Amino acid sequence: MTAIDHTRLRAWLKDHANIVDCAIEPVSGDASFRRYFRVRTRDRGYILMDAPPDREDSAPFVDVTHRLANAGLNVPGILNADLKAGLLLLDDLGDDLYLNHLHDDNAAELYGHALAALQRIQAADPAGLPDYDRGLLIREMMLFRDWFLERHLGIASNPEMDAVLKRTFETLVGVALEQPRVFVHRDYHARNLMLTPHDPPGILDYQDAVCGPVTYDLVSLLKDSYIAWPRERQIAWVLAYRDRIVKEGIIDPADDATVLRWYDLTGVQRQLKVCGIFARLNYRDGKPGYLRDIPLTYRNLVDAAGRYPETGELTRMLAALQIDPGAPGLRVS
């Protein structure tokens, strides 16, 4: 962070929040062009979001924050929003990420809180949110070919490979679109959930929310790219969650096999996307740290794809390519 940037931030804090005497410390950013700073005064702390308006539109963040707060979720309060400057002053939910605290003994409690919050998210009104439609689903999955296979692994596309991917993508789009539609956070995982003393979890990074498939956020949470859980435990969480949202009238009853098929194949769609995003973050955005998270994401992809005949072609293609998720090219040395 340069001195001139600090000068800009301090001038904005003085003019928009009457904050003069403060310390400003960088906070880890997310997978975007947004940057975050912790602002400390004698009395309290804040988070300052710096989202360059030529790279990031902060209006969806403001909109979704209000929607989730109105639904009773623990999201940062917006104290001041200057969309023209791309600066927003927020309440500070702390820095205790779920990811840094999760272990076998507390997973039931922490995921219990996360799933209760997810129920409130899915019960929220999605009217006016972007639709998680065929076009968006396909564009996301194309990141796997363009950034993971071609750019990261140096595997050139060919007509046979493109045909397999096209058929697979259409299958996965069908699975996504056949599910009940709900409010989808879209990145609901252990790096975006916070341990908070009241009404846990604190929820972050929801500005890309859409109206989409009911299992999408379950996949983000339980097939996380940053922490792995045994399949038996995932199944128990998924089916128990299905029971509670059926009881609450969020979805109509659906049998175990249907829900698990939705969950697994929605996972394939997300994991294709995420492998591509992690590679793009390295090569386009200069964020190599995400490369270390590809192996778990890729293993989740192969595991889920191998369970269903609809994704058999993809499974065989990936096996033929002999991609090793633990190879040096797939992680930071």
Protein backbone atom coordinates (compact mmCIF):
# COMPACT_ATOMS: atom_id res chain seq x y z
CA MET A 1 0.00 0.00 0.00
CA THR A 2 1.57 3.32 -1.05
CA ALA A 3 1.61 6.55 0.94
CA ILE A 4 -0.65 8.28 -1.57
CA ASP A 5 -3.25 5.53 -1.10
CA HIS A 6 -3.13 6.05 2.65
CA THR A 7 -3.57 9.77 2.09
CA ARG A 8 -6.65 9.10 -0.03
CA LEU A 9 -8.14 6.74 2.54
CA ARG A 10 -7.50 9.10 5.44
CA ALA A 11 -8.99 12.05 3.57
CA TRP A 12 -12.11 10.03 2.79
CA LEU A 13 -12.47 8.85 6.41
CA LYS A 14 -12.21 12.42 7.64
CA ASP A 15 -14.72 13.81 5.15
CA HIS A 16 -17.28 10.97 5.27
CA ALA A 17 -17.05 9.55 8.79
CA ASN A 18 -15.31 12.28 10.84
CA ILE A 19 -12.54 9.78 11.62
CA VAL A 20 -9.19 11.53 12.00
CA ASP A 21 -7.04 9.85 14.62
CA CYS A 22 -6.86 6.22 13.51
CA ALA A 23 -4.61 3.36 12.49
CA ILE A 24 -5.15 1.73 9.10
CA GLU A 25 -3.99 -1.84 8.57
CA PRO A 26 -4.45 -4.02 5.47
CA VAL A 27 -6.68 -7.06 5.85
CA SER A 28 -6.49 -10.08 3.57
CA GLY A 29 -8.50 -9.41 0.43
CA ASP A 30 -10.76 -11.76 -1.48
CA ALA A 31 -10.66 -13.23 -4.96
CA SER A 32 -11.48 -9.92 -6.63
CA PHE A 33 -10.07 -6.42 -7.06
CA ARG A 34 -11.51 -5.35 -3.70
CA ARG A 35 -9.14 -4.58 -0.84
CA TYR A 36 -10.00 -4.32 2.82
CA PHE A 37 -8.48 -2.29 5.65
CA ARG A 38 -9.05 -2.42 9.38
CA VAL A 39 -9.49 1.08 10.76
CA ARG A 40 -8.88 1.43 14.50
CA THR A 41 -9.72 4.43 16.63
CA ARG A 42 -9.48 4.73 20.39
CA ASP A 43 -13.09 3.65 20.74
CA ARG A 44 -13.76 1.01 18.08
CA GLY A 45 -12.77 -0.69 14.88
CA TYR A 46 -14.17 -0.56 11.37
CA ILE A 47 -13.56 -2.21 8.01
CA LEU A 48 -12.93 0.02 5.02
CA MET A 49 -13.65 -1.59 1.66
CA ASP A 50 -11.77 -0.18 -1.31
CA ALA A 51 -13.48 -1.38 -4.49
CA PRO A 52 -12.21 0.53 -7.55
CA PRO A 53 -15.39 1.53 -9.40
CA ASP A 54 -13.79 0.85 -12.79
CA ARG A 55 -13.19 -2.78 -11.71
CA GLU A 56 -15.89 -3.52 -9.13
CA ASP A 57 -19.53 -2.46 -8.90
CA SER A 58 -20.36 -2.13 -5.21
CA ALA A 59 -24.09 -1.57 -5.69
CA PRO A 60 -24.86 -5.32 -5.50
CA PHE A 61 -22.93 -5.51 -2.22
CA VAL A 62 -25.10 -2.77 -0.74
CA ASP A 63 -28.30 -4.36 -2.06
CA VAL A 64 -27.51 -7.87 -0.83
CA THR A 65 -26.30 -6.58 2.55
CA HIS A 66 -29.69 -4.98 3.14
CA ARG A 67 -31.53 -8.11 1.97
CA LEU A 68 -29.59 -10.40 4.29
CA ALA A 69 -29.79 -8.03 7.24
CA ASN A 70 -33.56 -7.82 6.77
CA ALA A 71 -33.65 -11.63 6.79
CA GLY A 72 -31.96 -11.66 10.20
CA LEU A 73 -28.45 -12.60 9.09
CA ASN A 74 -25.28 -11.40 10.77
CA VAL A 75 -23.68 -9.29 8.03
CA PRO A 76 -21.53 -6.15 8.37
CA GLY A 77 -23.53 -2.98 8.83
CA ILE A 78 -22.86 -0.36 6.16
CA LEU A 79 -21.99 2.89 7.94
CA ASN A 80 -21.15 4.89 4.83
CA ALA A 81 -21.18 3.99 1.14
CA ASP A 82 -19.54 6.19 -1.48
CA LEU A 83 -20.08 4.18 -4.65
CA LYS A 84 -18.56 6.86 -6.89
CA ALA A 85 -15.26 6.61 -5.00
CA GLY A 86 -15.61 2.87 -4.44
CA LEU A 87 -15.18 3.22 -0.67
CA LEU A 88 -17.48 1.74 1.97
CA LEU A 89 -17.14 1.90 5.75
CA LEU A 90 -18.42 -1.26 7.43
CA ASP A 91 -18.83 -2.77 10.87
CA ASP A 92 -15.94 -5.06 11.80
CA LEU A 93 -16.98 -8.68 12.39
CA GLY A 94 -13.47 -9.59 13.54
CA ASP A 95 -10.93 -11.93 12.00
CA ASP A 96 -11.88 -15.34 13.42
CA LEU A 97 -12.52 -17.26 10.22
CA TYR A 98 -14.39 -20.54 10.49
CA LEU A 99 -11.52 -22.13 8.57
CA ASN A 100 -9.06 -21.32 11.35
CA HIS A 101 -11.16 -22.98 14.04
CA LEU A 102 -12.95 -25.93 12.45
CA HIS A 103 -12.04 -29.42 13.68
CA ASP A 104 -13.78 -32.74 14.23
CA ASP A 105 -14.97 -31.91 17.73
CA ASN A 106 -16.63 -28.57 16.91
CA ALA A 107 -17.77 -29.20 13.33
CA ALA A 108 -21.28 -30.22 14.37
CA GLU A 109 -21.75 -27.00 16.34
CA LEU A 110 -20.19 -24.64 13.80
CA TYR A 111 -21.90 -26.20 10.80
CA GLY A 112 -25.11 -26.26 12.80
CA HIS A 113 -24.90 -22.47 13.03
CA ALA A 114 -23.90 -22.19 9.35
CA LEU A 115 -26.79 -24.38 8.18
CA ALA A 116 -29.29 -22.50 10.33
CA ALA A 117 -28.07 -19.26 8.75
CA LEU A 118 -28.25 -20.85 5.29
CA GLN A 119 -31.89 -21.71 5.93
CA ARG A 120 -32.58 -18.03 6.57
CA ILE A 121 -30.68 -17.09 3.41
CA GLN A 122 -32.69 -19.53 1.31
CA ALA A 123 -35.92 -18.24 2.81
CA ALA A 124 -35.04 -14.67 1.80
CA ASP A 125 -36.71 -13.06 -1.18
CA PRO A 126 -34.55 -13.52 -4.32
CA ALA A 127 -36.70 -11.22 -6.48
CA GLY A 128 -34.51 -8.98 -8.62
CA LEU A 129 -31.32 -10.98 -8.11
CA PRO A 130 -29.50 -12.14 -11.24
CA ASP A 131 -30.67 -15.55 -12.41
CA TYR A 132 -28.22 -18.43 -12.27
CA ASP A 133 -29.17 -19.30 -15.83
CA ARG A 134 -27.71 -21.48 -18.55
CA GLY A 135 -25.46 -18.75 -19.92
CA LEU A 136 -23.84 -18.01 -16.56
CA LEU A 137 -23.42 -21.69 -15.70
CA ILE A 138 -21.72 -22.39 -19.05
CA ARG A 139 -19.44 -19.33 -18.82
CA GLU A 140 -18.29 -20.47 -15.40
CA MET A 141 -17.49 -24.00 -16.54
CA MET A 142 -15.57 -22.73 -19.58
CA LEU A 143 -13.03 -21.36 -17.11
CA PHE A 144 -11.96 -24.97 -16.52
CA ARG A 145 -10.98 -25.44 -20.16
CA ASP A 146 -9.55 -21.98 -20.77
CA TRP A 147 -7.61 -21.36 -17.56
CA PHE A 148 -7.07 -24.74 -15.89
CA LEU A 149 -6.52 -27.14 -18.76
CA GLU A 150 -5.06 -24.81 -21.39
CA ARG A 151 -3.29 -22.08 -19.42
CA HIS A 152 -2.30 -23.90 -16.25
CA LEU A 153 -1.62 -27.43 -17.53
CA GLY A 154 -0.76 -26.60 -21.14
CA ILE A 155 -3.34 -29.08 -22.48
CA ALA A 156 -4.53 -27.76 -25.81
CA SER A 157 -8.20 -28.25 -26.61
CA ASN A 158 -9.24 -30.44 -29.50
CA PRO A 159 -12.60 -31.32 -31.09
CA GLU A 160 -13.01 -34.54 -29.09
CA MET A 161 -12.26 -32.86 -25.78
CA ASP A 162 -14.52 -29.92 -26.59
CA ALA A 163 -17.35 -32.32 -27.47
CA VAL A 164 -17.03 -34.14 -24.12
CA LEU A 165 -16.99 -30.87 -22.23
CA LYS A 166 -19.97 -29.53 -24.17
CA ARG A 167 -22.08 -32.61 -23.44
CA THR A 168 -21.02 -32.59 -19.78
CA PHE A 169 -21.76 -28.89 -19.39
CA GLU A 170 -25.25 -29.33 -20.85
CA THR A 171 -25.92 -32.19 -18.43
CA LEU A 172 -24.80 -30.11 -15.46
CA VAL A 173 -26.88 -27.15 -16.60
CA GLY A 174 -29.91 -29.43 -16.69
CA VAL A 175 -29.24 -30.61 -13.13
CA ALA A 176 -28.91 -27.04 -11.90
CA LEU A 177 -32.07 -25.83 -13.62
CA GLU A 178 -34.25 -28.74 -12.46
CA GLN A 179 -33.72 -27.86 -8.79
CA PRO A 180 -35.91 -25.56 -6.68
CA ARG A 181 -34.75 -21.95 -7.00
CA VAL A 182 -33.71 -20.02 -3.91
CA PHE A 183 -31.55 -17.11 -2.79
CA VAL A 184 -27.94 -18.29 -3.36
CA HIS A 185 -24.99 -16.67 -1.56
CA ARG A 186 -22.65 -18.28 -4.16
CA ASP A 187 -19.49 -18.43 -2.02
CA TYR A 188 -20.78 -19.81 1.26
CA HIS A 189 -17.69 -21.48 2.72
CA ALA A 190 -15.30 -21.51 5.66
CA ARG A 191 -13.28 -18.50 4.49
CA ASN A 192 -16.39 -16.33 4.29
CA LEU A 193 -17.92 -17.31 7.63
CA MET A 194 -16.78 -15.75 10.88
CA LEU A 195 -16.91 -16.83 14.49
CA THR A 196 -18.73 -14.03 16.27
CA PRO A 197 -19.80 -13.72 19.91
CA HIS A 198 -23.40 -13.04 18.94
CA ASP A 199 -25.63 -14.65 16.29
CA PRO A 200 -22.92 -16.72 14.59
CA PRO A 201 -21.77 -16.98 11.94
CA GLY A 202 -20.85 -13.59 10.59
CA ILE A 203 -21.25 -13.74 6.81
CA LEU A 204 -19.03 -12.08 4.20
CA ASP A 205 -18.46 -11.91 0.42
CA TYR A 206 -22.07 -12.27 -0.71
CA GLN A 207 -22.21 -9.53 -3.36
CA ASP A 208 -22.45 -12.07 -6.21
CA ALA A 209 -25.72 -13.53 -4.88
CA VAL A 210 -28.11 -14.99 -7.44
CA CYS A 211 -31.38 -16.87 -7.68
CA GLY A 212 -30.30 -20.45 -8.28
CA PRO A 213 -30.28 -24.14 -7.33
CA VAL A 214 -31.07 -25.12 -3.78
CA THR A 215 -27.96 -27.30 -3.31
CA TYR A 216 -25.43 -24.75 -4.57
CA ASP A 217 -24.56 -23.19 -1.20
CA LEU A 218 -24.56 -26.63 0.44
CA VAL A 219 -21.85 -27.62 -2.04
CA SER A 220 -19.85 -24.46 -1.30
CA LEU A 221 -20.02 -25.20 2.42
CA LEU A 222 -19.64 -28.98 2.60
CA LYS A 223 -17.43 -29.61 -0.47
CA ASP A 224 -15.24 -26.67 0.53
CA SER A 225 -12.02 -26.07 -1.40
CA TYR A 226 -10.19 -25.39 1.88
CA ILE A 227 -11.23 -28.21 4.23
CA ALA A 228 -12.44 -31.77 3.60
CA TRP A 229 -15.05 -33.87 5.40
CA PRO A 230 -15.82 -37.59 5.02
CA ARG A 231 -18.60 -38.32 2.55
CA GLU A 232 -20.71 -40.02 5.23
CA ARG A 233 -20.68 -36.82 7.25
CA GLN A 234 -21.54 -34.72 4.21
CA ILE A 235 -24.51 -36.97 3.41
CA ALA A 236 -25.83 -36.70 6.96
CA TRP A 237 -25.61 -32.90 6.85
CA VAL A 238 -27.23 -32.68 3.41
CA LEU A 239 -30.18 -34.94 4.20
CA ALA A 240 -30.81 -33.36 7.60
CA TYR A 241 -30.76 -29.95 5.94
CA ARG A 242 -33.19 -31.21 3.28
CA ASP A 243 -35.55 -32.29 6.05
CA ARG A 244 -35.51 -28.88 7.75
CA ILE A 245 -36.13 -26.83 4.59
CA VAL A 246 -38.94 -29.18 3.55
CA LYS A 247 -40.47 -28.70 7.00
CA GLU A 248 -40.16 -24.92 6.63
CA GLY A 249 -41.79 -25.01 3.19
CA ILE A 250 -38.73 -23.71 1.35
CA ILE A 251 -38.81 -26.71 -1.02
CA ASP A 252 -41.22 -29.55 -1.72
CA PRO A 253 -40.27 -33.04 -0.53
CA ALA A 254 -37.48 -34.75 -2.52
CA ASP A 255 -36.10 -38.25 -1.95
CA ASP A 256 -32.55 -38.98 -0.79
CA ALA A 257 -31.22 -40.13 -4.17
CA THR A 258 -32.54 -37.02 -5.93
CA VAL A 259 -31.09 -34.61 -3.39
CA LEU A 260 -27.69 -36.32 -3.36
CA ARG A 261 -27.60 -36.34 -7.16
CA TRP A 262 -28.35 -32.61 -7.15
CA TYR A 263 -25.67 -32.06 -4.52
CA ASP A 264 -22.94 -34.08 -6.24
CA LEU A 265 -23.52 -32.87 -9.79
CA THR A 266 -23.93 -29.26 -8.69
CA GLY A 267 -20.59 -29.87 -7.01
CA VAL A 268 -19.07 -30.92 -10.33
CA GLN A 269 -20.27 -27.67 -11.89
CA ARG A 270 -18.84 -25.59 -9.06
CA GLN A 271 -15.54 -27.44 -8.91
CA LEU A 272 -15.00 -27.09 -12.66
CA LYS A 273 -15.52 -23.38 -12.22
CA VAL A 274 -13.32 -23.07 -9.15
CA CYS A 275 -10.36 -24.92 -10.70
CA GLY A 276 -10.53 -22.38 -13.52
CA ILE A 277 -10.90 -19.42 -11.18
CA PHE A 278 -7.94 -20.45 -9.02
CA ALA A 279 -5.76 -20.75 -12.13
CA ARG A 280 -7.00 -17.40 -13.45
CA LEU A 281 -6.28 -15.72 -10.11
CA ASN A 282 -2.66 -16.78 -10.50
CA TYR A 283 -2.06 -15.96 -14.15
CA ARG A 284 -4.29 -12.93 -14.65
CA ASP A 285 -4.47 -11.37 -11.20
CA GLY A 286 -1.09 -12.24 -9.67
CA LYS A 287 -2.55 -14.20 -6.74
CA PRO A 288 -0.59 -17.47 -6.69
CA GLY A 289 -1.75 -18.51 -3.23
CA TYR A 290 -4.94 -19.99 -4.64
CA LEU A 291 -2.96 -22.63 -6.59
CA ARG A 292 -2.45 -24.57 -3.38
CA ASP A 293 -6.21 -25.01 -3.13
CA ILE A 294 -6.58 -26.68 -6.53
CA PRO A 295 -5.71 -30.26 -5.44
CA LEU A 296 -8.63 -30.60 -3.00
CA THR A 297 -11.00 -28.93 -5.45
CA TYR A 298 -9.90 -31.27 -8.23
CA ARG A 299 -10.23 -34.36 -6.03
CA ASN A 300 -13.78 -33.30 -5.11
CA LEU A 301 -14.51 -32.90 -8.82
CA VAL A 302 -13.22 -36.35 -9.79
CA ASP A 303 -14.91 -38.05 -6.85
CA ALA A 304 -18.36 -36.61 -7.61
CA ALA A 305 -18.11 -37.03 -11.38
CA GLY A 306 -17.17 -40.68 -10.94
CA ARG A 307 -20.39 -41.48 -9.08
CA TYR A 308 -22.83 -40.86 -11.95
CA PRO A 309 -23.16 -42.22 -15.50
CA GLU A 310 -24.07 -38.73 -16.78
CA THR A 311 -20.52 -37.56 -16.02
CA GLY A 312 -18.79 -40.79 -17.04
CA GLU A 313 -17.37 -39.21 -20.20
CA LEU A 314 -15.79 -36.44 -18.16
CA THR A 315 -14.35 -38.94 -15.69
CA ARG A 316 -12.78 -40.99 -18.48
CA MET A 317 -11.40 -37.90 -20.22
CA LEU A 318 -9.76 -36.62 -17.04
CA ALA A 319 -8.30 -40.05 -16.32
CA ALA A 320 -6.86 -40.19 -19.83
CA LEU A 321 -5.22 -36.81 -19.31
CA GLN A 322 -3.48 -38.26 -16.22
CA ILE A 323 -3.90 -35.11 -14.19
CA ASP A 324 -2.29 -35.55 -10.78
CA PRO A 325 -3.79 -33.10 -8.27
CA GLY A 326 -0.68 -33.41 -6.11
CA ALA A 327 1.78 -32.70 -8.92
CA PRO A 328 4.14 -29.73 -8.51
CA GLY A 329 2.35 -27.85 -11.27
CA LEU A 330 -0.83 -27.82 -9.21
CA ARG A 331 0.47 -26.30 -6.04
CA VAL A 332 2.70 -23.53 -4.78
CA SER A 333 6.25 -24.75 -4.19
